Each structure stands twice: as C-alpha cells, then as structure tokens.
C-alpha cells in the first residue's frame, strides 16, 4: 500500500496513471471523509469560501486527469498561509 507522499509524487509526475482508490486515499487524508460517496462520485468539503468542494469520479478504476490536477491545486491551496490565496 503506497504512502500518501508516494501517491502525491505519482500524481505530480503522471496525473494520467492514478487509480481512483489512490486519489480517494489522498483526498481522505487532506479533506477528511467524503460528504457524499454515491455511485462513482465522491465529494469532499474544503475549508475556503466560494466553491468549497472537491469532486472526484471513478472512471473504470482510474481517476480522471483533470480531477487529479484539481486535487493537487486544492492541496496546494491548503498549504498557503491565510490571506495568500492565489486566484
């Protein structure tokens, strides 16, 4: 079972080759348990105003590339000190 840091490294190097289950592990780690997990979608809350959610979808066992990139962007936003958000 890969560690979160190993999955993150893989997400940055090859967002196309990420399994949905690995993306779920990363999202669970950074955003907590999904608020919705019906069907092929999982929706996570994020702590900022505006559009405070991350939505990921299972595509035959793999994560969608654009959603992997959105998760990476959300994780980067979490790491920014308050008031330093980029638009």
PDB file of N, CA and C in Angstrom:
ATOM      1  N   UNK A   1       0.851  -1.177   0.000  1.00  0.00           N
ATOM      2  CA  UNK A   1       0.000   0.000   0.000  1.00  0.00           C
ATOM      3  C   UNK A   1       0.900   1.245   0.000  1.00  0.00           C
ATOM      4  N   UNK A   2       0.813   2.056  -1.054  1.00  0.00           N
ATOM      5  CA  UNK A   2       1.686   3.230  -1.127  1.00  0.00           C
ATOM      6  C   UNK A   2       1.315   4.291  -0.092  1.00  0.00           C
ATOM      7  N   UNK A   3       2.335   4.991   0.367  1.00  0.00           N
ATOM      8  CA  UNK A   3       2.133   6.079   1.319  1.00  0.00           C
ATOM      9  C   UNK A   3       1.594   7.302   0.588  1.00  0.00           C
ATOM     10  N   UNK A   4       0.968   8.196   1.324  1.00  0.00           N
ATOM     11  CA  UNK A   4       0.387   9.412   0.757  1.00  0.00           C
ATOM     12  C   UNK A   4       1.440  10.191  -0.029  1.00  0.00           C
ATOM     13  N   UNK A   5       2.638  10.331   0.531  1.00  0.00           N
ATOM     14  CA  UNK A   5       3.677  11.112  -0.159  1.00  0.00           C
ATOM     15  C   UNK A   5       4.068  10.451  -1.484  1.00  0.00           C
ATOM     16  N   UNK A   6       4.050   9.125  -1.544  1.00  0.00           N
ATOM     17  CA  UNK A   6       4.375   8.429  -2.791  1.00  0.00           C
ATOM     18  C   UNK A   6       3.266   8.619  -3.830  1.00  0.00           C
ATOM     19  N   UNK A   7       2.027   8.603  -3.376  1.00  0.00           N
ATOM     20  CA  UNK A   7       0.903   8.826  -4.287  1.00  0.00           C
ATOM     21  C   UNK A   7       0.960  10.249  -4.828  1.00  0.00           C
ATOM     22  N   UNK A   8       1.234  11.220  -3.948  1.00  0.00           N
ATOM     23  CA  UNK A   8       1.342  12.620  -4.378  1.00  0.00           C
ATOM     24  C   UNK A   8       2.440  12.795  -5.414  1.00  0.00           C
ATOM     25  N   UNK A   9       3.553  12.150  -5.201  1.00  0.00           N
ATOM     26  CA  UNK A   9       4.652  12.226  -6.167  1.00  0.00           C
ATOM     27  C   UNK A   9       4.199  11.680  -7.524  1.00  0.00           C
ATOM     28  N   UNK A  10       3.514  10.553  -7.500  1.00  0.00           N
ATOM     29  CA  UNK A  10       2.995   9.970  -8.733  1.00  0.00           C
ATOM     30  C   UNK A  10       1.960  10.863  -9.401  1.00  0.00           C
ATOM     31  N   UNK A  11       1.134  11.523  -8.593  1.00  0.00           N
ATOM     32  CA  UNK A  11       0.123  12.442  -9.135  1.00  0.00           C
ATOM     33  C   UNK A  11       0.788  13.596  -9.874  1.00  0.00           C
ATOM     34  N   UNK A  12       1.878  14.093  -9.316  1.00  0.00           N
ATOM     35  CA  UNK A  12       2.577  15.216  -9.961  1.00  0.00           C
ATOM     36  C   UNK A  12       3.315  14.769 -11.218  1.00  0.00           C
ATOM     37  N   UNK A  13       3.913  13.584 -11.168  1.00  0.00           N
ATOM     38  CA  UNK A  13       4.690  13.099 -12.307  1.00  0.00           C
ATOM     39  C   UNK A  13       3.819  12.585 -13.454  1.00  0.00           C
ATOM     40  N   UNK A  14       2.727  11.917 -13.113  1.00  0.00           N
ATOM     41  CA  UNK A  14       1.878  11.307 -14.140  1.00  0.00           C
ATOM     42  C   UNK A  14       0.420  11.307 -13.690  1.00  0.00           C
ATOM     43  N   UNK A  15      -0.280  12.444 -13.833  1.00  0.00           N
ATOM     44  CA  UNK A  15      -1.674  12.505 -13.373  1.00  0.00           C
ATOM     45  C   UNK A  15      -2.597  11.544 -14.120  1.00  0.00           C
ATOM     46  N   UNK A  16      -2.157  11.047 -15.249  1.00  0.00           N
ATOM     47  CA  UNK A  16      -2.979  10.125 -16.034  1.00  0.00           C
ATOM     48  C   UNK A  16      -2.978   8.706 -15.452  1.00  0.00           C
ATOM     49  N   UNK A  17      -1.959   8.362 -14.683  1.00  0.00           N
ATOM     50  CA  UNK A  17      -1.820   6.985 -14.206  1.00  0.00           C
ATOM     51  C   UNK A  17      -2.213   6.775 -12.763  1.00  0.00           C
ATOM     52  N   UNK A  18      -3.159   7.532 -12.239  1.00  0.00           N
ATOM     53  CA  UNK A  18      -3.538   7.440 -10.822  1.00  0.00           C
ATOM     54  C   UNK A  18      -4.836   6.651 -10.674  1.00  0.00           C
ATOM     55  N   UNK A  19      -4.805   5.667  -9.809  1.00  0.00           N
ATOM     56  CA  UNK A  19      -6.023   4.895  -9.577  1.00  0.00           C
ATOM     57  C   UNK A  19      -7.006   5.715  -8.741  1.00  0.00           C
ATOM     58  N   UNK A  20      -8.280   5.433  -8.918  1.00  0.00           N
ATOM     59  CA  UNK A  20      -9.312   6.128  -8.153  1.00  0.00           C
ATOM     60  C   UNK A  20      -9.135   5.877  -6.658  1.00  0.00           C
ATOM     61  N   UNK A  21      -8.781   4.663  -6.292  1.00  0.00           N
ATOM     62  CA  UNK A  21      -8.617   4.345  -4.860  1.00  0.00           C
ATOM     63  C   UNK A  21      -7.458   5.134  -4.255  1.00  0.00           C
ATOM     64  N   UNK A  22      -6.370   5.343  -5.009  1.00  0.00           N
ATOM     65  CA  UNK A  22      -5.261   6.151  -4.500  1.00  0.00           C
ATOM     66  C   UNK A  22      -5.674   7.611  -4.359  1.00  0.00           C
ATOM     67  N   UNK A  23      -6.441   8.126  -5.323  1.00  0.00           N
ATOM     68  CA  UNK A  23      -6.910   9.504  -5.220  1.00  0.00           C
ATOM     69  C   UNK A  23      -7.835   9.662  -4.014  1.00  0.00           C
ATOM     70  N   UNK A  24      -8.658   8.665  -3.753  1.00  0.00           N
ATOM     71  CA  UNK A  24      -9.528   8.688  -2.568  1.00  0.00           C
ATOM     72  C   UNK A  24      -8.707   8.745  -1.283  1.00  0.00           C
ATOM     73  N   UNK A  25      -7.610   7.972  -1.217  1.00  0.00           N
ATOM     74  CA  UNK A  25      -6.748   7.983  -0.028  1.00  0.00           C
ATOM     75  C   UNK A  25      -6.189   9.377   0.215  1.00  0.00           C
ATOM     76  N   UNK A  26      -5.730  10.017  -0.859  1.00  0.00           N
ATOM     77  CA  UNK A  26      -5.164  11.356  -0.743  1.00  0.00           C
ATOM     78  C   UNK A  26      -6.235  12.342  -0.273  1.00  0.00           C
ATOM     79  N   UNK A  27      -7.411  12.289  -0.894  1.00  0.00           N
ATOM     80  CA  UNK A  27      -8.492  13.201  -0.516  1.00  0.00           C
ATOM     81  C   UNK A  27      -8.947  12.961   0.920  1.00  0.00           C
ATOM     82  N   UNK A  28      -9.071  11.703   1.322  1.00  0.00           N
ATOM     83  CA  UNK A  28      -9.441  11.390   2.708  1.00  0.00           C
ATOM     84  C   UNK A  28      -8.415  11.971   3.681  1.00  0.00           C
ATOM     85  N   UNK A  29      -7.148  11.883   3.315  1.00  0.00           N
ATOM     86  CA  UNK A  29      -6.071  12.379   4.177  1.00  0.00           C
ATOM     87  C   UNK A  29      -6.140  13.900   4.334  1.00  0.00           C
ATOM     88  N   UNK A  30      -6.318  14.622   3.238  1.00  0.00           N
ATOM     89  CA  UNK A  30      -6.264  16.088   3.278  1.00  0.00           C
ATOM     90  C   UNK A  30      -7.600  16.755   3.585  1.00  0.00           C
ATOM     91  N   UNK A  31      -8.716  16.146   3.181  1.00  0.00           N
ATOM     92  CA  UNK A  31     -10.018  16.796   3.299  1.00  0.00           C
ATOM     93  C   UNK A  31     -10.980  16.083   4.247  1.00  0.00           C
ATOM     94  N   UNK A  32     -10.573  14.949   4.791  1.00  0.00           N
ATOM     95  CA  UNK A  32     -11.460  14.181   5.661  1.00  0.00           C
ATOM     96  C   UNK A  32     -12.350  13.264   4.831  1.00  0.00           C
ATOM     97  N   UNK A  33     -13.246  12.616   5.504  1.00  0.00           N
ATOM     98  CA  UNK A  33     -14.130  11.670   4.834  1.00  0.00           C
ATOM     99  C   UNK A  33     -15.057  12.395   3.846  1.00  0.00           C
ATOM    100  N   UNK A  34     -15.350  11.746   2.745  1.00  0.00           N
ATOM    101  CA  UNK A  34     -16.224  12.341   1.728  1.00  0.00           C
ATOM    102  C   UNK A  34     -17.598  12.607   2.313  1.00  0.00           C
ATOM    103  N   UNK A  35     -18.178  13.763   1.975  1.00  0.00           N
ATOM    104  CA  UNK A  35     -19.526  14.069   2.461  1.00  0.00           C
ATOM    105  C   UNK A  35     -20.565  13.353   1.625  1.00  0.00           C
ATOM    106  N   UNK A  36     -20.174  12.954   0.424  1.00  0.00           N
ATOM    107  CA  UNK A  36     -21.060  12.158  -0.428  1.00  0.00           C
ATOM    108  C   UNK A  36     -20.210  11.135  -1.159  1.00  0.00           C
ATOM    109  N   UNK A  37     -20.679   9.910  -1.215  1.00  0.00           N
ATOM    110  CA  UNK A  37     -19.941   8.871  -1.925  1.00  0.00           C
ATOM    111  C   UNK A  37     -20.903   7.892  -2.592  1.00  0.00           C
ATOM    112  N   UNK A  38     -21.868   8.459  -3.282  1.00  0.00           N
ATOM    113  CA  UNK A  38     -22.827   7.614  -4.003  1.00  0.00           C
ATOM    114  C   UNK A  38     -22.308   7.333  -5.401  1.00  0.00           C
ATOM    115  N   UNK A  39     -22.554   6.126  -5.872  1.00  0.00           N
ATOM    116  CA  UNK A  39     -22.175   5.788  -7.236  1.00  0.00           C
ATOM    117  C   UNK A  39     -20.694   5.958  -7.481  1.00  0.00           C
ATOM    118  N   UNK A  40     -20.364   6.579  -8.594  1.00  0.00           N
ATOM    119  CA  UNK A  40     -18.963   6.713  -8.977  1.00  0.00           C
ATOM    120  C   UNK A  40     -18.337   8.014  -8.494  1.00  0.00           C
ATOM    121  N   UNK A  41     -19.098   8.885  -7.829  1.00  0.00           N
ATOM    122  CA  UNK A  41     -18.588  10.181  -7.382  1.00  0.00           C
ATOM    123  C   UNK A  41     -18.332  10.206  -5.881  1.00  0.00           C
ATOM    124  N   UNK A  42     -17.319  10.983  -5.505  1.00  0.00           N
ATOM    125  CA  UNK A  42     -17.071  11.288  -4.088  1.00  0.00           C
ATOM    126  C   UNK A  42     -16.856  12.785  -3.998  1.00  0.00           C
ATOM    127  N   UNK A  43     -17.509  13.420  -3.049  1.00  0.00           N
ATOM    128  CA  UNK A  43     -17.418  14.868  -2.888  1.00  0.00           C
ATOM    129  C   UNK A  43     -16.851  15.180  -1.504  1.00  0.00           C
ATOM    130  N   UNK A  44     -15.805  16.013  -1.494  1.00  0.00           N
ATOM    131  CA  UNK A  44     -15.118  16.403  -0.264  1.00  0.00           C
ATOM    132  C   UNK A  44     -15.292  17.896  -0.020  1.00  0.00           C
ATOM    133  N   UNK A  45     -15.443  18.274   1.244  1.00  0.00           N
ATOM    134  CA  UNK A  45     -15.503  19.693   1.627  1.00  0.00           C
ATOM    135  C   UNK A  45     -14.077  20.227   1.759  1.00  0.00           C
ATOM    136  N   UNK A  46     -13.950  21.503   1.434  1.00  0.00           N
ATOM    137  CA  UNK A  46     -12.694  22.205   1.643  1.00  0.00           C
ATOM    138  C   UNK A  46     -12.969  23.405   2.548  1.00  0.00           C
ATOM    139  N   UNK A  47     -11.958  23.920   3.237  1.00  0.00           N
ATOM    140  CA  UNK A  47     -12.205  24.948   4.254  1.00  0.00           C
ATOM    141  C   UNK A  47     -12.300  26.389   3.743  1.00  0.00           C
ATOM    142  N   UNK A  48     -12.345  26.623   2.450  1.00  0.00           N
ATOM    143  CA  UNK A  48     -12.386  28.003   1.963  1.00  0.00           C
ATOM    144  C   UNK A  48     -13.759  28.339   1.394  1.00  0.00           C
ATOM    145  N   UNK A  49     -14.077  29.633   1.356  1.00  0.00           N
ATOM    146  CA  UNK A  49     -15.371  30.069   0.815  1.00  0.00           C
ATOM    147  C   UNK A  49     -15.379  29.994  -0.719  1.00  0.00           C
ATOM    148  N   UNK A  50     -16.528  30.176  -1.279  1.00  0.00           N
ATOM    149  CA  UNK A  50     -16.645  30.129  -2.740  1.00  0.00           C
ATOM    150  C   UNK A  50     -17.180  28.780  -3.164  1.00  0.00           C
ATOM    151  N   UNK A  51     -16.329  28.005  -3.781  1.00  0.00           N
ATOM    152  CA  UNK A  51     -16.708  26.659  -4.204  1.00  0.00           C
ATOM    153  C   UNK A  51     -15.960  25.673  -3.320  1.00  0.00           C
ATOM    154  N   UNK A  52     -16.476  25.439  -2.122  1.00  0.00           N
ATOM    155  CA  UNK A  52     -15.725  24.674  -1.124  1.00  0.00           C
ATOM    156  C   UNK A  52     -15.874  23.156  -1.255  1.00  0.00           C
ATOM    157  N   UNK A  53     -15.545  22.634  -2.426  1.00  0.00           N
ATOM    158  CA  UNK A  53     -15.646  21.181  -2.579  1.00  0.00           C
ATOM    159  C   UNK A  53     -14.671  20.667  -3.617  1.00  0.00           C
ATOM    160  N   UNK A  54     -14.350  19.409  -3.478  1.00  0.00           N
ATOM    161  CA  UNK A  54     -13.563  18.667  -4.454  1.00  0.00           C
ATOM    162  C   UNK A  54     -14.423  17.482  -4.846  1.00  0.00           C
ATOM    163  N   UNK A  55     -14.639  17.325  -6.130  1.00  0.00           N
ATOM    164  CA  UNK A  55     -15.479  16.258  -6.655  1.00  0.00           C
ATOM    165  C   UNK A  55     -14.603  15.345  -7.496  1.00  0.00           C
ATOM    166  N   UNK A  56     -14.531  14.057  -7.132  1.00  0.00           N
ATOM    167  CA  UNK A  56     -13.756  13.099  -7.922  1.00  0.00           C
ATOM    168  C   UNK A  56     -14.667  11.979  -8.392  1.00  0.00           C
ATOM    169  N   UNK A  57     -14.265  11.343  -9.486  1.00  0.00           N
ATOM    170  CA  UNK A  57     -15.119  10.353 -10.126  1.00  0.00           C
ATOM    171  C   UNK A  57     -14.314   9.130 -10.546  1.00  0.00           C
ATOM    172  N   UNK A  58     -14.882   7.969 -10.322  1.00  0.00           N
ATOM    173  CA  UNK A  58     -14.271   6.710 -10.711  1.00  0.00           C
ATOM    174  C   UNK A  58     -14.531   6.468 -12.194  1.00  0.00           C
ATOM    175  N   UNK A  59     -13.455   6.329 -12.955  1.00  0.00           N
ATOM    176  CA  UNK A  59     -13.560   6.059 -14.387  1.00  0.00           C
ATOM    177  C   UNK A  59     -12.912   4.713 -14.675  1.00  0.00           C
ATOM    178  N   UNK A  60     -13.672   3.652 -14.456  1.00  0.00           N
ATOM    179  CA  UNK A  60     -13.194   2.276 -14.671  1.00  0.00           C
ATOM    180  C   UNK A  60     -11.950   1.978 -13.844  1.00  0.00           C
ATOM    181  N   UNK A  61     -11.977   2.422 -12.589  1.00  0.00           N
ATOM    182  CA  UNK A  61     -10.882   2.147 -11.674  1.00  0.00           C
ATOM    183  C   UNK A  61      -9.790   3.202 -11.652  1.00  0.00           C
ATOM    184  N   UNK A  62      -9.852   4.136 -12.576  1.00  0.00           N
ATOM    185  CA  UNK A  62      -8.839   5.184 -12.661  1.00  0.00           C
ATOM    186  C   UNK A  62      -9.451   6.538 -12.324  1.00  0.00           C
ATOM    187  N   UNK A  63      -8.601   7.471 -11.904  1.00  0.00           N
ATOM    188  CA  UNK A  63      -9.040   8.841 -11.644  1.00  0.00           C
ATOM    189  C   UNK A  63      -8.953   9.627 -12.943  1.00  0.00           C
ATOM    190  N   UNK A  64      -9.848  10.575 -13.103  1.00  0.00           N
ATOM    191  CA  UNK A  64      -9.806  11.444 -14.278  1.00  0.00           C
ATOM    192  C   UNK A  64      -8.666  12.445 -14.112  1.00  0.00           C
ATOM    193  N   UNK A  65      -7.933  12.679 -15.195  1.00  0.00           N
ATOM    194  CA  UNK A  65      -6.738  13.522 -15.138  1.00  0.00           C
ATOM    195  C   UNK A  65      -7.054  14.922 -14.628  1.00  0.00           C
ATOM    196  N   UNK A  66      -8.111  15.543 -15.148  1.00  0.00           N
ATOM    197  CA  UNK A  66      -8.410  16.911 -14.725  1.00  0.00           C
ATOM    198  C   UNK A  66      -8.772  16.957 -13.240  1.00  0.00           C
ATOM    199  N   UNK A  67      -9.347  15.886 -12.712  1.00  0.00           N
ATOM    200  CA  UNK A  67      -9.690  15.853 -11.292  1.00  0.00           C
ATOM    201  C   UNK A  67      -8.437  15.659 -10.432  1.00  0.00           C
ATOM    202  N   UNK A  68      -7.480  14.879 -10.914  1.00  0.00           N
ATOM    203  CA  UNK A  68      -6.202  14.738 -10.208  1.00  0.00           C
ATOM    204  C   UNK A  68      -5.544  16.107 -10.098  1.00  0.00           C
ATOM    205  N   UNK A  69      -5.555  16.874 -11.191  1.00  0.00           N
ATOM    206  CA  UNK A  69      -4.955  18.208 -11.194  1.00  0.00           C
ATOM    207  C   UNK A  69      -5.708  19.149 -10.249  1.00  0.00           C
ATOM    208  N   UNK A  70      -7.037  19.026 -10.201  1.00  0.00           N
ATOM    209  CA  UNK A  70      -7.827  19.856  -9.276  1.00  0.00           C
ATOM    210  C   UNK A  70      -7.495  19.523  -7.827  1.00  0.00           C
ATOM    211  N   UNK A  71      -7.310  18.252  -7.520  1.00  0.00           N
ATOM    212  CA  UNK A  71      -6.957  17.846  -6.157  1.00  0.00           C
ATOM    213  C   UNK A  71      -5.586  18.401  -5.788  1.00  0.00           C
ATOM    214  N   UNK A  72      -4.626  18.313  -6.699  1.00  0.00           N
ATOM    215  CA  UNK A  72      -3.298  18.869  -6.437  1.00  0.00           C
ATOM    216  C   UNK A  72      -3.378  20.369  -6.167  1.00  0.00           C
ATOM    217  N   UNK A  73      -4.185  21.067  -6.950  1.00  0.00           N
ATOM    218  CA  UNK A  73      -4.346  22.512  -6.773  1.00  0.00           C
ATOM    219  C   UNK A  73      -4.985  22.814  -5.412  1.00  0.00           C
ATOM    220  N   UNK A  74      -5.973  22.021  -5.016  1.00  0.00           N
ATOM    221  CA  UNK A  74      -6.632  22.213  -3.722  1.00  0.00           C
ATOM    222  C   UNK A  74      -5.662  21.948  -2.569  1.00  0.00           C
ATOM    223  N   UNK A  75      -4.812  20.945  -2.712  1.00  0.00           N
ATOM    224  CA  UNK A  75      -3.821  20.637  -1.674  1.00  0.00           C
ATOM    225  C   UNK A  75      -2.826  21.791  -1.554  1.00  0.00           C
ATOM    226  N   UNK A  76      -2.414  22.344  -2.680  1.00  0.00           N
ATOM    227  CA  UNK A  76      -1.505  23.498  -2.655  1.00  0.00           C
ATOM    228  C   UNK A  76      -2.171  24.683  -1.958  1.00  0.00           C
ATOM    229  N   UNK A  77      -3.450  24.879  -2.229  1.00  0.00           N
ATOM    230  CA  UNK A  77      -4.191  25.974  -1.600  1.00  0.00           C
ATOM    231  C   UNK A  77      -4.267  25.785  -0.085  1.00  0.00           C
ATOM    232  N   UNK A  78      -4.414  24.542   0.360  1.00  0.00           N
ATOM    233  CA  UNK A  78      -4.433  24.256   1.801  1.00  0.00           C
ATOM    234  C   UNK A  78      -3.108  24.638   2.455  1.00  0.00           C
ATOM    235  N   UNK A  79      -2.020  24.484   1.711  1.00  0.00           N
ATOM    236  CA  UNK A  79      -0.690  24.740   2.261  1.00  0.00           C
ATOM    237  C   UNK A  79      -0.358  26.222   2.351  1.00  0.00           C
ATOM    238  N   UNK A  80      -1.113  27.074   1.623  1.00  0.00           N
ATOM    239  CA  UNK A  80      -0.850  28.513   1.646  1.00  0.00           C
ATOM    240  C   UNK A  80      -1.305  29.120   2.968  1.00  0.00           C
ATOM    241  N   UNK A  81      -0.517  30.050   3.517  1.00  0.00           N
ATOM    242  CA  UNK A  81      -0.963  30.742   4.725  1.00  0.00           C
ATOM    243  C   UNK A  81      -2.225  31.552   4.424  1.00  0.00           C
ATOM    244  N   UNK A  82      -3.065  31.751   5.409  1.00  0.00           N
ATOM    245  CA  UNK A  82      -4.315  32.513   5.230  1.00  0.00           C
ATOM    246  C   UNK A  82      -4.004  33.892   4.663  1.00  0.00           C
ATOM    247  N   UNK A  83      -4.780  34.299   3.667  1.00  0.00           N
ATOM    248  CA  UNK A  83      -4.604  35.602   3.046  1.00  0.00           C
ATOM    249  C   UNK A  83      -3.683  35.580   1.842  1.00  0.00           C
ATOM    250  N   UNK A  84      -2.993  34.458   1.591  1.00  0.00           N
ATOM    251  CA  UNK A  84      -2.073  34.369   0.464  1.00  0.00           C
ATOM    252  C   UNK A  84      -2.647  33.560  -0.696  1.00  0.00           C
ATOM    253  N   UNK A  85      -3.962  33.378  -0.732  1.00  0.00           N
ATOM    254  CA  UNK A  85      -4.577  32.571  -1.775  1.00  0.00           C
ATOM    255  C   UNK A  85      -4.347  33.214  -3.124  1.00  0.00           C
ATOM    256  N   UNK A  86      -4.112  32.336  -4.114  1.00  0.00           N
ATOM    257  CA  UNK A  86      -3.968  32.791  -5.484  1.00  0.00           C
ATOM    258  C   UNK A  86      -5.275  32.574  -6.197  1.00  0.00           C
ATOM    259  N   UNK A  87      -5.625  33.474  -7.103  1.00  0.00           N
ATOM    260  CA  UNK A  87      -6.871  33.311  -7.860  1.00  0.00           C
ATOM    261  C   UNK A  87      -6.654  32.543  -9.121  1.00  0.00           C
TER     262      UNK A  87
END
